Amino acid sequence: MMLGQIIRDLGTGQIMVALLNHADQSDLVARLDGAACRNGEGIGDYAAASLERFINRANDEAWLALMGSIEQAAGTTADPGGICLRVMLDWALREEIHRNQHEQQKSRQNHCSNSVNSVSCPCIRG
């Protein structure tokens, strides 16, 4: 089966969540639900956007990891679509955490550089 077909077969966000629940990926579903709530989205919409984020932003290393996961599962009873979904969503969740941490750090740096007296800046003091 071709990777493009696997991705197309994942369907909508609600189908993705159903696949994850069926595959007993409750930890990933919980992480998705938390991220969806933080972003003011439903879990299905967030899952679909996360998949799109992987497709558009993942680097070569992430794609290679995805292909490696599919290859490792070849010959087993594991569902290739479920494997793709797990790897792609996990990457998207980690990428969002990294992006948020980067934005917070950047915001703190801007706060300190904009301060008239940087000694009084709470970022410097503590």
C-alpha atoms as a PDB file:
ATOM      1  CA  MET A   1       0.000   0.000   0.000  1.00  0.00           C
ATOM      2  CA  MET A   2       1.309   3.460  -0.893  1.00  0.00           C
ATOM      3  CA  LEU A   3       1.769   6.100   1.822  1.00  0.00           C
ATOM      4  CA  GLY A   4      -0.460   8.585  -0.008  1.00  0.00           C
ATOM      5  CA  GLN A   5      -3.292   6.062  -0.033  1.00  0.00           C
ATOM      6  CA  ILE A   6      -2.841   5.347   3.661  1.00  0.00           C
ATOM      7  CA  ILE A   7      -3.060   9.075   4.436  1.00  0.00           C
ATOM      8  CA  ARG A   8      -6.134   9.517   2.214  1.00  0.00           C
ATOM      9  CA  ASP A   9      -7.804   6.550   3.910  1.00  0.00           C
ATOM     10  CA  LEU A  10      -7.478   8.206   7.320  1.00  0.00           C
ATOM     11  CA  GLY A  11     -10.383  10.452   6.343  1.00  0.00           C
ATOM     12  CA  THR A  12     -11.795  13.076   8.636  1.00  0.00           C
ATOM     13  CA  GLY A  13     -10.716  14.034  12.111  1.00  0.00           C
ATOM     14  CA  GLN A  14     -13.599  12.095  13.664  1.00  0.00           C
ATOM     15  CA  ILE A  15     -12.506   8.957  11.808  1.00  0.00           C
ATOM     16  CA  MET A  16      -8.961   9.481  13.078  1.00  0.00           C
ATOM     17  CA  VAL A  17     -10.147   9.720  16.677  1.00  0.00           C
ATOM     18  CA  ALA A  18     -12.272   6.581  16.215  1.00  0.00           C
ATOM     19  CA  LEU A  19      -9.228   4.746  14.823  1.00  0.00           C
ATOM     20  CA  LEU A  20      -7.138   5.827  17.790  1.00  0.00           C
ATOM     21  CA  ASN A  21      -9.794   4.742  20.267  1.00  0.00           C
ATOM     22  CA  HIS A  22     -10.163   1.415  18.476  1.00  0.00           C
ATOM     23  CA  ALA A  23      -6.387   0.880  18.521  1.00  0.00           C
ATOM     24  CA  ASP A  24      -6.303   1.528  22.287  1.00  0.00           C
ATOM     25  CA  GLN A  25      -4.258   4.702  21.928  1.00  0.00           C
ATOM     26  CA  SER A  26      -5.979   6.301  24.917  1.00  0.00           C
ATOM     27  CA  ASP A  27      -2.825   8.172  25.947  1.00  0.00           C
ATOM     28  CA  LEU A  28      -2.575   9.821  22.528  1.00  0.00           C
ATOM     29  CA  VAL A  29      -6.307  10.576  22.516  1.00  0.00           C
ATOM     30  CA  ALA A  30      -5.957  12.246  25.929  1.00  0.00           C
ATOM     31  CA  ARG A  31      -3.025  14.361  24.710  1.00  0.00           C
ATOM     32  CA  LEU A  32      -4.983  15.320  21.580  1.00  0.00           C
ATOM     33  CA  ASP A  33      -8.017  16.229  23.646  1.00  0.00           C
ATOM     34  CA  GLY A  34      -5.933  18.443  25.929  1.00  0.00           C
ATOM     35  CA  ALA A  35      -4.286  20.213  23.006  1.00  0.00           C
ATOM     36  CA  ALA A  36      -7.641  20.644  21.261  1.00  0.00           C
ATOM     37  CA  CYS A  37      -9.119  22.230  24.393  1.00  0.00           C
ATOM     38  CA  ARG A  38      -6.137  24.588  24.763  1.00  0.00           C
ATOM     39  CA  ASN A  39      -6.653  25.664  21.153  1.00  0.00           C
ATOM     40  CA  GLY A  40     -10.428  25.978  21.435  1.00  0.00           C
ATOM     41  CA  GLU A  41     -11.091  23.220  18.893  1.00  0.00           C
ATOM     42  CA  GLY A  42     -12.910  19.928  18.834  1.00  0.00           C
ATOM     43  CA  ILE A  43     -10.681  16.883  18.985  1.00  0.00           C
ATOM     44  CA  GLY A  44     -11.585  15.764  15.453  1.00  0.00           C
ATOM     45  CA  ASP A  45     -10.799  19.161  13.946  1.00  0.00           C
ATOM     46  CA  TYR A  46      -7.574  19.369  15.917  1.00  0.00           C
ATOM     47  CA  ALA A  47      -6.531  15.864  14.783  1.00  0.00           C
ATOM     48  CA  ALA A  48      -7.200  16.759  11.140  1.00  0.00           C
ATOM     49  CA  ALA A  49      -5.213  20.006  11.467  1.00  0.00           C
ATOM     50  CA  SER A  50      -2.375  18.100  13.156  1.00  0.00           C
ATOM     51  CA  LEU A  51      -2.188  15.639  10.302  1.00  0.00           C
ATOM     52  CA  GLU A  52      -2.083  18.550   7.864  1.00  0.00           C
ATOM     53  CA  ARG A  53       0.687  20.152   9.949  1.00  0.00           C
ATOM     54  CA  PHE A  54       2.766  16.997   9.691  1.00  0.00           C
ATOM     55  CA  ILE A  55       2.267  16.801   5.933  1.00  0.00           C
ATOM     56  CA  ASN A  56       3.249  20.446   5.437  1.00  0.00           C
ATOM     57  CA  ARG A  57       5.966  20.964   8.067  1.00  0.00           C
ATOM     58  CA  ALA A  58       7.631  17.675   8.948  1.00  0.00           C
ATOM     59  CA  ASN A  59      11.295  17.481   8.069  1.00  0.00           C
ATOM     60  CA  ASP A  60      13.039  14.583   6.347  1.00  0.00           C
ATOM     61  CA  GLU A  61      13.865  12.972   9.690  1.00  0.00           C
ATOM     62  CA  ALA A  62      10.180  12.854  10.696  1.00  0.00           C
ATOM     63  CA  TRP A  63       9.164  11.363   7.341  1.00  0.00           C
ATOM     64  CA  LEU A  64      11.949   8.787   7.608  1.00  0.00           C
ATOM     65  CA  ALA A  65      10.757   7.850  11.097  1.00  0.00           C
ATOM     66  CA  LEU A  66       7.244   7.435   9.715  1.00  0.00           C
ATOM     67  CA  MET A  67       8.449   5.179   6.914  1.00  0.00           C
ATOM     68  CA  GLY A  68      10.567   3.201   9.379  1.00  0.00           C
ATOM     69  CA  SER A  69       7.559   2.632  11.638  1.00  0.00           C
ATOM     70  CA  ILE A  70       5.512   1.350   8.709  1.00  0.00           C
ATOM     71  CA  GLU A  71       8.355  -0.914   7.594  1.00  0.00           C
ATOM     72  CA  GLN A  72       8.792  -2.353  11.103  1.00  0.00           C
ATOM     73  CA  ALA A  73       5.102  -3.238  11.177  1.00  0.00           C
ATOM     74  CA  ALA A  74       5.189  -4.998   7.800  1.00  0.00           C
ATOM     75  CA  GLY A  75       4.217  -8.607   8.171  1.00  0.00           C
ATOM     76  CA  THR A  76       2.479  -8.016  11.485  1.00  0.00           C
ATOM     77  CA  THR A  77      -1.192  -7.512  12.215  1.00  0.00           C
ATOM     78  CA  ALA A  78      -0.614  -3.796  12.863  1.00  0.00           C
ATOM     79  CA  ASP A  79      -2.739  -1.440  10.780  1.00  0.00           C
ATOM     80  CA  PRO A  80      -0.528   0.792   8.575  1.00  0.00           C
ATOM     81  CA  GLY A  81      -3.091   3.612   8.807  1.00  0.00           C
ATOM     82  CA  GLY A  82      -3.082   3.450  12.582  1.00  0.00           C
ATOM     83  CA  ILE A  83       0.708   3.486  12.639  1.00  0.00           C
ATOM     84  CA  CYS A  84       0.827   6.529  10.354  1.00  0.00           C
ATOM     85  CA  LEU A  85      -1.762   8.287  12.417  1.00  0.00           C
ATOM     86  CA  ARG A  86       0.041   7.644  15.703  1.00  0.00           C
ATOM     87  CA  VAL A  87       3.429   8.779  14.377  1.00  0.00           C
ATOM     88  CA  MET A  88       2.057  11.863  12.611  1.00  0.00           C
ATOM     89  CA  LEU A  89      -0.103  13.024  15.506  1.00  0.00           C
ATOM     90  CA  ASP A  90       2.641  12.406  18.047  1.00  0.00           C
ATOM     91  CA  TRP A  91       5.010  14.507  15.942  1.00  0.00           C
ATOM     92  CA  ALA A  92       2.428  17.293  15.608  1.00  0.00           C
ATOM     93  CA  LEU A  93       1.825  17.376  19.369  1.00  0.00           C
ATOM     94  CA  ARG A  94       5.554  17.535  20.119  1.00  0.00           C
ATOM     95  CA  GLU A  95       6.012  20.227  17.458  1.00  0.00           C
ATOM     96  CA  GLU A  96       3.264  22.350  19.010  1.00  0.00           C
ATOM     97  CA  ILE A  97       4.843  22.075  22.463  1.00  0.00           C
ATOM     98  CA  HIS A  98       8.218  23.064  21.019  1.00  0.00           C
ATOM     99  CA  ARG A  99       6.690  25.991  19.106  1.00  0.00           C
ATOM    100  CA  ASN A 100       4.847  27.226  22.227  1.00  0.00           C
ATOM    101  CA  GLN A 101       7.997  27.007  24.345  1.00  0.00           C
ATOM    102  CA  HIS A 102       9.920  28.917  21.678  1.00  0.00           C
ATOM    103  CA  GLU A 103       7.256  31.643  21.544  1.00  0.00           C
ATOM    104  CA  GLN A 104       7.244  31.964  25.351  1.00  0.00           C
ATOM    105  CA  GLN A 105      11.023  32.269  25.406  1.00  0.00           C
ATOM    106  CA  LYS A 106      10.927  34.858  22.637  1.00  0.00           C
ATOM    107  CA  SER A 107       8.241  36.800  24.514  1.00  0.00           C
ATOM    108  CA  ARG A 108      10.359  36.822  27.697  1.00  0.00           C
ATOM    109  CA  GLN A 109      13.387  38.037  25.724  1.00  0.00           C
ATOM    110  CA  ASN A 110      11.355  40.834  24.142  1.00  0.00           C
ATOM    111  CA  HIS A 111      10.038  41.805  27.558  1.00  0.00           C
ATOM    112  CA  CYS A 112      13.570  42.064  28.933  1.00  0.00           C
ATOM    113  CA  SER A 113      14.969  43.962  25.941  1.00  0.00           C
ATOM    114  CA  ASN A 114      12.064  46.424  26.036  1.00  0.00           C
ATOM    115  CA  SER A 115      12.485  47.119  29.739  1.00  0.00           C
ATOM    116  CA  VAL A 116      13.937  50.546  30.560  1.00  0.00           C
ATOM    117  CA  ASN A 117      15.722  49.156  33.585  1.00  0.00           C
ATOM    118  CA  SER A 118      16.482  45.502  32.895  1.00  0.00           C
ATOM    119  CA  VAL A 119      17.528  44.995  36.527  1.00  0.00           C
ATOM    120  CA  SER A 120      13.891  45.446  37.526  1.00  0.00           C
ATOM    121  CA  CYS A 121      12.723  42.922  34.944  1.00  0.00           C
ATOM    122  CA  PRO A 122      11.146  39.877  36.648  1.00  0.00           C
ATOM    123  CA  CYS A 123      12.801  37.644  34.027  1.00  0.00           C
ATOM    124  CA  ILE A 124      16.240  38.743  35.210  1.00  0.00           C
ATOM    125  CA  ARG A 125      15.461  38.575  38.920  1.00  0.00           C
ATOM    126  CA  GLY A 126      13.999  35.212  39.035  1.00  0.00           C
END
